[in-house]
N, C-alpha and C. Protein backbone atom coordinates (compact mmCIF):
# COMPACT_ATOMS: atom_id res chain seq x y z
N MET A 1 0.69 -1.23 -0.13
CA MET A 1 -0.11 -0.19 -0.15
C MET A 1 0.98 1.57 0.30
N PRO A 2 0.94 1.66 -0.94
CA PRO A 2 1.60 2.65 -1.13
C PRO A 2 1.03 4.19 -0.32
N GLU A 3 0.29 4.43 0.16
CA GLU A 3 -0.59 5.07 1.16
C GLU A 3 0.08 4.88 2.47
N GLU A 4 0.25 3.75 3.05
CA GLU A 4 0.96 3.35 4.24
C GLU A 4 2.14 3.64 4.20
N ASN A 5 2.96 3.40 3.44
CA ASN A 5 4.56 3.50 3.26
C ASN A 5 5.02 4.72 3.50
N ALA A 6 3.96 5.86 2.87
CA ALA A 6 4.15 7.02 2.84
C ALA A 6 3.75 8.06 4.37
N LYS A 7 3.47 6.89 5.20
CA LYS A 7 2.96 7.50 6.40
C LYS A 7 3.60 7.37 7.52
N VAL A 8 4.70 6.22 7.12
CA VAL A 8 5.93 5.81 7.97
C VAL A 8 7.33 6.79 8.38
N GLY A 9 7.34 7.84 7.93
CA GLY A 9 7.95 8.71 8.34
C GLY A 9 7.26 10.07 9.79
N GLU A 10 5.93 9.80 9.59
CA GLU A 10 5.28 10.74 10.42
C GLU A 10 4.74 10.42 11.59
N VAL A 11 5.43 8.61 12.02
CA VAL A 11 4.53 8.40 13.49
C VAL A 11 5.81 7.64 13.70
N SER A 12 5.64 7.36 14.95
CA SER A 12 7.20 6.53 15.21
C SER A 12 6.69 5.25 15.32
N GLN A 13 8.15 4.22 15.00
CA GLN A 13 7.88 3.04 14.56
C GLN A 13 7.37 2.34 15.32
N SER A 14 7.25 2.15 16.68
CA SER A 14 6.36 1.18 17.76
C SER A 14 4.98 1.66 17.16
N ARG A 15 4.50 2.82 16.95
CA ARG A 15 3.05 3.26 16.45
C ARG A 15 2.45 2.36 15.48
N TYR A 16 3.73 2.58 14.86
CA TYR A 16 3.79 2.47 13.29
C TYR A 16 3.49 0.88 13.46
N GLU A 17 4.29 -0.24 14.22
CA GLU A 17 4.31 -1.65 14.47
C GLU A 17 3.08 -1.77 15.30
N GLN A 18 2.72 -0.98 15.70
CA GLN A 18 0.69 -1.16 16.50
C GLN A 18 0.07 -1.15 15.60
N ILE A 19 0.08 -0.37 14.85
CA ILE A 19 -1.05 -0.31 13.69
C ILE A 19 -0.56 -1.77 12.36
N VAL A 20 0.81 -1.94 12.47
CA VAL A 20 0.59 -3.10 11.37
C VAL A 20 0.06 -4.31 12.43
N ALA A 21 0.23 -4.55 13.26
CA ALA A 21 -0.12 -5.54 13.78
C ALA A 21 -1.61 -5.64 14.18
N GLU A 22 -2.60 -4.68 14.27
CA GLU A 22 -4.26 -4.55 14.20
C GLU A 22 -4.33 -4.76 12.99
N LEU A 23 -3.99 -4.25 11.78
CA LEU A 23 -4.27 -4.42 11.01
C LEU A 23 -4.30 -6.02 9.74
N ARG A 24 -2.96 -6.74 10.81
CA ARG A 24 -2.96 -7.82 10.05
C ARG A 24 -4.03 -8.54 11.28
N ASP A 25 -4.12 -8.45 12.19
CA ASP A 25 -5.57 -9.20 12.88
C ASP A 25 -6.36 -9.01 11.91
N VAL A 26 -7.34 -8.13 11.40
CA VAL A 26 -8.52 -7.50 10.86
C VAL A 26 -8.28 -8.34 9.46
N VAL A 27 -6.95 -8.36 8.92
CA VAL A 27 -7.04 -8.77 7.28
C VAL A 27 -7.27 -10.64 7.78
N GLU A 28 -6.42 -11.22 9.09
CA GLU A 28 -7.04 -12.54 8.82
C GLU A 28 -8.12 -12.74 9.39
N GLN A 29 -9.16 -11.83 9.81
CA GLN A 29 -10.35 -12.26 10.45
C GLN A 29 -11.13 -12.29 9.24
N GLN A 30 -11.06 -11.07 7.93
CA GLN A 30 -11.60 -11.10 7.08
C GLN A 30 -11.42 -12.45 6.06
N THR A 31 -9.51 -12.78 5.95
CA THR A 31 -9.48 -13.99 5.19
C THR A 31 -10.16 -14.96 5.30
N ARG A 32 -10.11 -15.75 6.86
CA ARG A 32 -11.17 -16.48 7.27
C ARG A 32 -12.50 -16.53 7.06
N GLY A 33 -13.09 -15.27 6.52
CA GLY A 33 -14.59 -15.40 6.63
C GLY A 33 -14.76 -15.39 5.39
N GLN A 34 -14.17 -15.46 4.60
CA GLN A 34 -13.72 -14.95 3.04
C GLN A 34 -13.42 -16.95 2.27
N PHE A 35 -12.40 -17.39 2.95
CA PHE A 35 -11.88 -18.73 2.86
C PHE A 35 -12.55 -19.76 3.20
N THR A 36 -12.91 -19.58 4.67
CA THR A 36 -13.57 -20.74 5.34
C THR A 36 -14.64 -21.07 5.63
């Protein structure tokens, strides 16, 4: 996602990692809903 890459410089590394972890959880939930 180009937009997400552009935001990396605007937030602290720890905050960015937190956001990424949350997004991964959401994506995993959506993926399970679609493919199981």
